Amino acid sequence: MELVFALVIGALTASGVYLILRARTFPVVVGLTMLSYGVNLFLFSSGRLATGQQPVLGTAASYSDPLPQALVLTAIVIGFAMTAFVVVLSLRNLADNEDDHVDGKQPYKSPAPEQEEEVNGK
């Protein structure tokens, strides 16, 4: 169970970082979301992966720590607000610059041969 959980956390983190490094804004938003999911799972796993145990201190010999669960719930709310804010920023960037590149610059495209002839007057 722990190995599968660690692999999922690693896959989410790696794919999130890969998408953050893209040049378009939508993959950056998805990458931030995936990275936050990976961090949430990591925080959740820090409270011991156990099933059928008591959630707080009690009579049981072992218990599940409620603090990581509270941290994950808080991180989910903050992550949702951050995602909504970044989506609004990316839509504003799209409206202002008429493209969705992260740096606001369109990649250079060499003119087509027909356009070169028109420019040169041939």
N, C-alpha and C. Protein backbone atom coordinates (compact mmCIF):
# COMPACT_ATOMS: atom_id res chain seq x y z
N MET A 1 0.82 -1.19 0.00
CA MET A 1 0.00 0.00 0.00
C MET A 1 0.87 1.26 0.00
N GLU A 2 1.90 1.27 0.84
CA GLU A 2 2.76 2.45 0.92
C GLU A 2 3.52 2.67 -0.37
N LEU A 3 3.93 1.59 -1.03
CA LEU A 3 4.66 1.72 -2.29
C LEU A 3 3.78 2.33 -3.37
N VAL A 4 2.56 1.88 -3.47
CA VAL A 4 1.63 2.42 -4.47
C VAL A 4 1.35 3.90 -4.17
N PHE A 5 1.17 4.21 -2.89
CA PHE A 5 0.91 5.59 -2.50
C PHE A 5 2.10 6.48 -2.84
N ALA A 6 3.31 6.00 -2.60
CA ALA A 6 4.52 6.77 -2.92
C ALA A 6 4.66 6.95 -4.43
N LEU A 7 4.34 5.91 -5.20
CA LEU A 7 4.42 6.04 -6.66
C LEU A 7 3.39 7.04 -7.20
N VAL A 8 2.22 7.06 -6.63
CA VAL A 8 1.19 8.02 -7.06
C VAL A 8 1.63 9.44 -6.72
N ILE A 9 2.19 9.63 -5.53
CA ILE A 9 2.68 10.96 -5.14
C ILE A 9 3.79 11.39 -6.09
N GLY A 10 4.72 10.50 -6.40
CA GLY A 10 5.81 10.83 -7.32
C GLY A 10 5.32 11.13 -8.72
N ALA A 11 4.35 10.36 -9.20
CA ALA A 11 3.81 10.59 -10.55
C ALA A 11 3.08 11.92 -10.63
N LEU A 12 2.29 12.24 -9.61
CA LEU A 12 1.58 13.52 -9.60
C LEU A 12 2.56 14.70 -9.54
N THR A 13 3.59 14.56 -8.72
CA THR A 13 4.57 15.64 -8.59
C THR A 13 5.36 15.82 -9.89
N ALA A 14 5.81 14.72 -10.47
CA ALA A 14 6.60 14.80 -11.71
C ALA A 14 5.77 15.36 -12.87
N SER A 15 4.54 14.90 -13.02
CA SER A 15 3.72 15.41 -14.11
C SER A 15 3.31 16.86 -13.85
N GLY A 16 3.11 17.23 -12.59
CA GLY A 16 2.81 18.61 -12.27
C GLY A 16 3.95 19.55 -12.60
N VAL A 17 5.18 19.15 -12.26
CA VAL A 17 6.35 19.98 -12.58
C VAL A 17 6.54 20.07 -14.09
N TYR A 18 6.33 18.96 -14.80
CA TYR A 18 6.45 18.97 -16.26
C TYR A 18 5.46 19.95 -16.88
N LEU A 19 4.22 19.92 -16.41
CA LEU A 19 3.20 20.80 -16.97
C LEU A 19 3.42 22.26 -16.59
N ILE A 20 3.99 22.51 -15.43
CA ILE A 20 4.29 23.89 -15.03
C ILE A 20 5.32 24.51 -15.96
N LEU A 21 6.21 23.70 -16.50
CA LEU A 21 7.27 24.21 -17.37
C LEU A 21 6.83 24.40 -18.82
N ARG A 22 5.57 24.20 -19.13
CA ARG A 22 5.07 24.38 -20.49
C ARG A 22 4.92 25.87 -20.79
N ALA A 23 4.76 26.22 -22.07
CA ALA A 23 4.70 27.62 -22.48
C ALA A 23 3.29 28.19 -22.52
N ARG A 24 2.28 27.36 -22.40
CA ARG A 24 0.90 27.82 -22.45
C ARG A 24 0.34 27.89 -21.03
N THR A 25 -0.70 28.71 -20.83
CA THR A 25 -1.21 28.91 -19.48
C THR A 25 -2.09 27.76 -18.98
N PHE A 26 -2.87 27.12 -19.85
CA PHE A 26 -3.73 26.03 -19.36
C PHE A 26 -2.92 24.86 -18.80
N PRO A 27 -1.85 24.39 -19.48
CA PRO A 27 -1.05 23.34 -18.86
C PRO A 27 -0.39 23.78 -17.55
N VAL A 28 -0.08 25.06 -17.42
CA VAL A 28 0.50 25.55 -16.17
C VAL A 28 -0.53 25.45 -15.05
N VAL A 29 -1.78 25.79 -15.33
CA VAL A 29 -2.84 25.70 -14.32
C VAL A 29 -3.05 24.24 -13.92
N VAL A 30 -3.11 23.35 -14.90
CA VAL A 30 -3.28 21.93 -14.60
C VAL A 30 -2.08 21.39 -13.82
N GLY A 31 -0.87 21.85 -14.18
CA GLY A 31 0.33 21.42 -13.47
C GLY A 31 0.34 21.87 -12.02
N LEU A 32 -0.08 23.10 -11.77
CA LEU A 32 -0.17 23.58 -10.38
C LEU A 32 -1.18 22.76 -9.58
N THR A 33 -2.29 22.42 -10.22
CA THR A 33 -3.30 21.62 -9.55
C THR A 33 -2.78 20.22 -9.24
N MET A 34 -2.10 19.60 -10.20
CA MET A 34 -1.56 18.26 -9.96
C MET A 34 -0.47 18.28 -8.89
N LEU A 35 0.36 19.32 -8.90
CA LEU A 35 1.39 19.44 -7.86
C LEU A 35 0.75 19.61 -6.48
N SER A 36 -0.31 20.38 -6.40
CA SER A 36 -0.98 20.55 -5.11
C SER A 36 -1.64 19.24 -4.66
N TYR A 37 -2.15 18.44 -5.60
CA TYR A 37 -2.70 17.13 -5.24
C TYR A 37 -1.60 16.22 -4.68
N GLY A 38 -0.42 16.25 -5.30
CA GLY A 38 0.69 15.45 -4.80
C GLY A 38 1.11 15.87 -3.41
N VAL A 39 1.16 17.17 -3.16
CA VAL A 39 1.51 17.67 -1.82
C VAL A 39 0.44 17.28 -0.81
N ASN A 40 -0.84 17.36 -1.21
CA ASN A 40 -1.91 16.96 -0.30
C ASN A 40 -1.81 15.49 0.07
N LEU A 41 -1.53 14.65 -0.89
CA LEU A 41 -1.37 13.22 -0.58
C LEU A 41 -0.17 12.97 0.32
N PHE A 42 0.91 13.73 0.10
CA PHE A 42 2.08 13.60 0.96
C PHE A 42 1.75 14.01 2.39
N LEU A 43 1.04 15.13 2.56
CA LEU A 43 0.64 15.54 3.91
C LEU A 43 -0.28 14.51 4.55
N PHE A 44 -1.20 13.97 3.76
CA PHE A 44 -2.12 12.97 4.29
C PHE A 44 -1.38 11.71 4.72
N SER A 45 -0.36 11.32 3.96
CA SER A 45 0.38 10.11 4.31
C SER A 45 1.28 10.31 5.52
N SER A 46 1.57 11.55 5.86
CA SER A 46 2.42 11.78 7.04
C SER A 46 1.69 11.46 8.33
N GLY A 47 0.37 11.30 8.29
CA GLY A 47 -0.40 10.93 9.47
C GLY A 47 -0.58 9.45 9.62
N ARG A 48 0.27 8.65 9.03
CA ARG A 48 0.24 7.18 9.06
C ARG A 48 -0.94 6.63 8.25
N LEU A 49 -0.63 5.74 7.34
CA LEU A 49 -1.67 5.07 6.56
C LEU A 49 -2.19 3.89 7.35
N ALA A 50 -3.37 4.04 7.91
CA ALA A 50 -3.95 2.97 8.71
C ALA A 50 -5.45 2.96 8.51
N THR A 51 -6.02 1.77 8.51
CA THR A 51 -7.47 1.64 8.38
C THR A 51 -8.03 0.99 9.63
N GLY A 52 -9.22 1.38 9.99
CA GLY A 52 -9.90 0.78 11.13
C GLY A 52 -9.36 1.21 12.47
N GLN A 53 -8.65 2.32 12.54
CA GLN A 53 -8.13 2.80 13.81
C GLN A 53 -8.91 4.02 14.25
N GLN A 54 -8.78 4.34 15.53
CA GLN A 54 -9.50 5.49 16.06
C GLN A 54 -8.89 6.79 15.51
N PRO A 55 -9.71 7.79 15.22
CA PRO A 55 -9.19 9.04 14.66
C PRO A 55 -8.51 9.94 15.68
N VAL A 56 -8.77 9.76 16.96
CA VAL A 56 -8.15 10.59 17.99
C VAL A 56 -7.61 9.69 19.09
N LEU A 57 -6.88 10.30 20.02
CA LEU A 57 -6.35 9.54 21.15
C LEU A 57 -7.49 8.91 21.93
N GLY A 58 -7.29 7.69 22.33
CA GLY A 58 -8.35 7.00 23.07
C GLY A 58 -7.79 5.75 23.71
N THR A 59 -8.62 4.75 23.77
CA THR A 59 -8.23 3.51 24.42
C THR A 59 -7.41 2.60 23.52
N ALA A 60 -7.43 2.82 22.23
CA ALA A 60 -6.69 1.95 21.32
C ALA A 60 -5.19 2.19 21.48
N ALA A 61 -4.43 1.17 21.19
CA ALA A 61 -2.97 1.29 21.31
C ALA A 61 -2.39 2.18 20.22
N SER A 62 -2.98 2.12 19.05
CA SER A 62 -2.52 2.99 17.97
C SER A 62 -3.70 3.83 17.49
N TYR A 63 -3.40 4.98 16.96
CA TYR A 63 -4.45 5.89 16.53
C TYR A 63 -4.02 6.59 15.25
N SER A 64 -4.97 7.18 14.61
CA SER A 64 -4.72 7.96 13.40
C SER A 64 -4.64 9.43 13.79
N ASP A 65 -3.58 10.10 13.36
CA ASP A 65 -3.35 11.49 13.74
C ASP A 65 -4.30 12.40 12.96
N PRO A 66 -5.11 13.23 13.62
CA PRO A 66 -6.05 14.10 12.90
C PRO A 66 -5.41 15.36 12.33
N LEU A 67 -4.23 15.73 12.75
CA LEU A 67 -3.62 16.97 12.29
C LEU A 67 -3.34 16.96 10.78
N PRO A 68 -2.74 15.90 10.21
CA PRO A 68 -2.55 15.91 8.74
C PRO A 68 -3.87 15.97 7.98
N GLN A 69 -4.92 15.37 8.52
CA GLN A 69 -6.21 15.44 7.85
C GLN A 69 -6.74 16.87 7.84
N ALA A 70 -6.56 17.59 8.94
CA ALA A 70 -6.99 18.99 8.99
C ALA A 70 -6.14 19.84 8.04
N LEU A 71 -4.84 19.55 7.96
CA LEU A 71 -3.97 20.29 7.04
C LEU A 71 -4.37 20.05 5.59
N VAL A 72 -4.73 18.83 5.25
CA VAL A 72 -5.12 18.52 3.88
C VAL A 72 -6.44 19.21 3.54
N LEU A 73 -7.39 19.22 4.45
CA LEU A 73 -8.64 19.92 4.18
C LEU A 73 -8.41 21.41 3.96
N THR A 74 -7.54 22.00 4.76
CA THR A 74 -7.21 23.41 4.58
C THR A 74 -6.49 23.63 3.26
N ALA A 75 -5.59 22.74 2.90
CA ALA A 75 -4.85 22.86 1.65
C ALA A 75 -5.76 22.70 0.44
N ILE A 76 -6.79 21.88 0.54
CA ILE A 76 -7.74 21.72 -0.56
C ILE A 76 -8.49 23.03 -0.80
N VAL A 77 -8.93 23.68 0.26
CA VAL A 77 -9.65 24.95 0.11
C VAL A 77 -8.73 26.02 -0.47
N ILE A 78 -7.51 26.11 0.05
CA ILE A 78 -6.56 27.10 -0.46
C ILE A 78 -6.19 26.79 -1.91
N GLY A 79 -6.01 25.52 -2.24
CA GLY A 79 -5.70 25.12 -3.61
C GLY A 79 -6.81 25.45 -4.58
N PHE A 80 -8.06 25.29 -4.16
CA PHE A 80 -9.18 25.64 -5.02
C PHE A 80 -9.21 27.14 -5.28
N ALA A 81 -8.99 27.93 -4.24
CA ALA A 81 -8.98 29.39 -4.41
C ALA A 81 -7.81 29.81 -5.31
N MET A 82 -6.65 29.19 -5.14
CA MET A 82 -5.49 29.52 -5.97
C MET A 82 -5.76 29.16 -7.43
N THR A 83 -6.39 28.02 -7.67
CA THR A 83 -6.70 27.61 -9.04
C THR A 83 -7.68 28.59 -9.69
N ALA A 84 -8.69 28.99 -8.96
CA ALA A 84 -9.65 29.96 -9.50
C ALA A 84 -8.96 31.28 -9.83
N PHE A 85 -8.06 31.74 -8.96
CA PHE A 85 -7.35 32.99 -9.19
C PHE A 85 -6.44 32.89 -10.42
N VAL A 86 -5.73 31.78 -10.57
CA VAL A 86 -4.83 31.61 -11.71
C VAL A 86 -5.61 31.49 -13.01
N VAL A 87 -6.77 30.87 -12.97
CA VAL A 87 -7.61 30.79 -14.18
C VAL A 87 -8.07 32.19 -14.60
N VAL A 88 -8.47 33.02 -13.62
CA VAL A 88 -8.88 34.38 -13.94
C VAL A 88 -7.70 35.17 -14.50
N LEU A 89 -6.51 35.00 -13.92
CA LEU A 89 -5.33 35.68 -14.45
C LEU A 89 -5.00 35.23 -15.87
N SER A 90 -5.14 33.95 -16.14
CA SER A 90 -4.83 33.46 -17.49
C SER A 90 -5.87 33.96 -18.50
N LEU A 91 -7.13 34.06 -18.10
CA LEU A 91 -8.14 34.61 -19.00
C LEU A 91 -7.90 36.09 -19.26
N ARG A 92 -7.43 36.80 -18.26
CA ARG A 92 -7.10 38.22 -18.46
C ARG A 92 -5.91 38.36 -19.40
N ASN A 93 -4.92 37.50 -19.24
CA ASN A 93 -3.76 37.50 -20.12
C ASN A 93 -4.19 37.20 -21.56
N LEU A 94 -5.10 36.26 -21.72
CA LEU A 94 -5.60 35.92 -23.05
C LEU A 94 -6.35 37.10 -23.67
N ALA A 95 -7.12 37.82 -22.87
CA ALA A 95 -7.87 38.96 -23.38
C ALA A 95 -6.95 40.13 -23.73
N ASP A 96 -5.93 40.36 -22.92
CA ASP A 96 -5.03 41.49 -23.15
C ASP A 96 -4.04 41.25 -24.28
N ASN A 97 -3.45 40.07 -24.34
CA ASN A 97 -2.38 39.79 -25.29
C ASN A 97 -2.81 38.98 -26.50
N GLU A 98 -4.05 38.53 -26.53
CA GLU A 98 -4.60 37.73 -27.62
C GLU A 98 -3.83 36.44 -27.87
N ASP A 99 -3.16 35.93 -26.87
CA ASP A 99 -2.55 34.61 -26.92
C ASP A 99 -2.46 34.10 -25.49
N ASP A 100 -2.14 32.81 -25.35
CA ASP A 100 -2.10 32.23 -24.01
C ASP A 100 -0.71 31.76 -23.62
N HIS A 101 0.31 32.39 -24.16
CA HIS A 101 1.67 32.05 -23.75
C HIS A 101 1.94 32.65 -22.38
N VAL A 102 2.76 31.98 -21.61
CA VAL A 102 3.04 32.42 -20.25
C VAL A 102 3.76 33.76 -20.24
N ASP A 103 4.72 33.95 -21.15
CA ASP A 103 5.48 35.19 -21.17
C ASP A 103 4.80 36.29 -21.97
N GLY A 104 3.68 36.02 -22.62
CA GLY A 104 2.94 37.03 -23.37
C GLY A 104 3.48 37.27 -24.76
N LYS A 105 4.48 36.51 -25.19
CA LYS A 105 5.05 36.69 -26.52
C LYS A 105 4.71 35.49 -27.38
N GLN A 106 4.30 35.75 -28.61
CA GLN A 106 4.03 34.66 -29.53
C GLN A 106 5.34 34.16 -30.11
N PRO A 107 5.44 32.87 -30.34
CA PRO A 107 6.68 32.35 -30.94
C PRO A 107 6.86 32.90 -32.36
N TYR A 108 8.10 33.10 -32.75
CA TYR A 108 8.41 33.64 -34.07
C TYR A 108 8.11 32.60 -35.13
N LYS A 109 7.37 33.00 -36.13
CA LYS A 109 7.08 32.12 -37.26
C LYS A 109 7.65 32.78 -38.50
N SER A 110 8.41 32.03 -39.25
CA SER A 110 8.96 32.59 -40.49
C SER A 110 7.81 32.79 -41.48
N PRO A 111 7.85 33.89 -42.22
CA PRO A 111 6.75 34.14 -43.17
C PRO A 111 6.72 33.10 -44.27
N ALA A 112 5.54 32.86 -44.76
CA ALA A 112 5.36 31.89 -45.85
C ALA A 112 6.00 32.45 -47.11
N PRO A 113 6.37 31.60 -48.08
CA PRO A 113 7.02 32.08 -49.31
C PRO A 113 6.17 33.08 -50.08
N GLU A 114 4.83 32.95 -50.06
CA GLU A 114 4.00 33.90 -50.79
C GLU A 114 4.09 35.28 -50.15
N GLN A 115 4.16 35.33 -48.83
CA GLN A 115 4.24 36.60 -48.14
C GLN A 115 5.58 37.27 -48.38
N GLU A 116 6.66 36.51 -48.49
CA GLU A 116 7.98 37.08 -48.75
C GLU A 116 8.01 37.76 -50.11
N GLU A 117 7.36 37.17 -51.10
CA GLU A 117 7.33 37.77 -52.43
C GLU A 117 6.55 39.08 -52.42
N GLU A 118 5.47 39.14 -51.64
CA GLU A 118 4.71 40.37 -51.55
C GLU A 118 5.50 41.46 -50.86
N VAL A 119 6.24 41.10 -49.83
CA VAL A 119 7.03 42.07 -49.09
C VAL A 119 8.18 42.61 -49.95
N ASN A 120 8.84 41.73 -50.68
CA ASN A 120 9.97 42.14 -51.52
C ASN A 120 9.54 42.79 -52.83
N GLY A 121 8.28 42.73 -53.15
CA GLY A 121 7.77 43.36 -54.37
C GLY A 121 7.97 42.50 -55.60
N LYS A 122 8.15 41.24 -55.48
CA LYS A 122 8.35 40.35 -56.63
C LYS A 122 7.06 39.70 -57.01
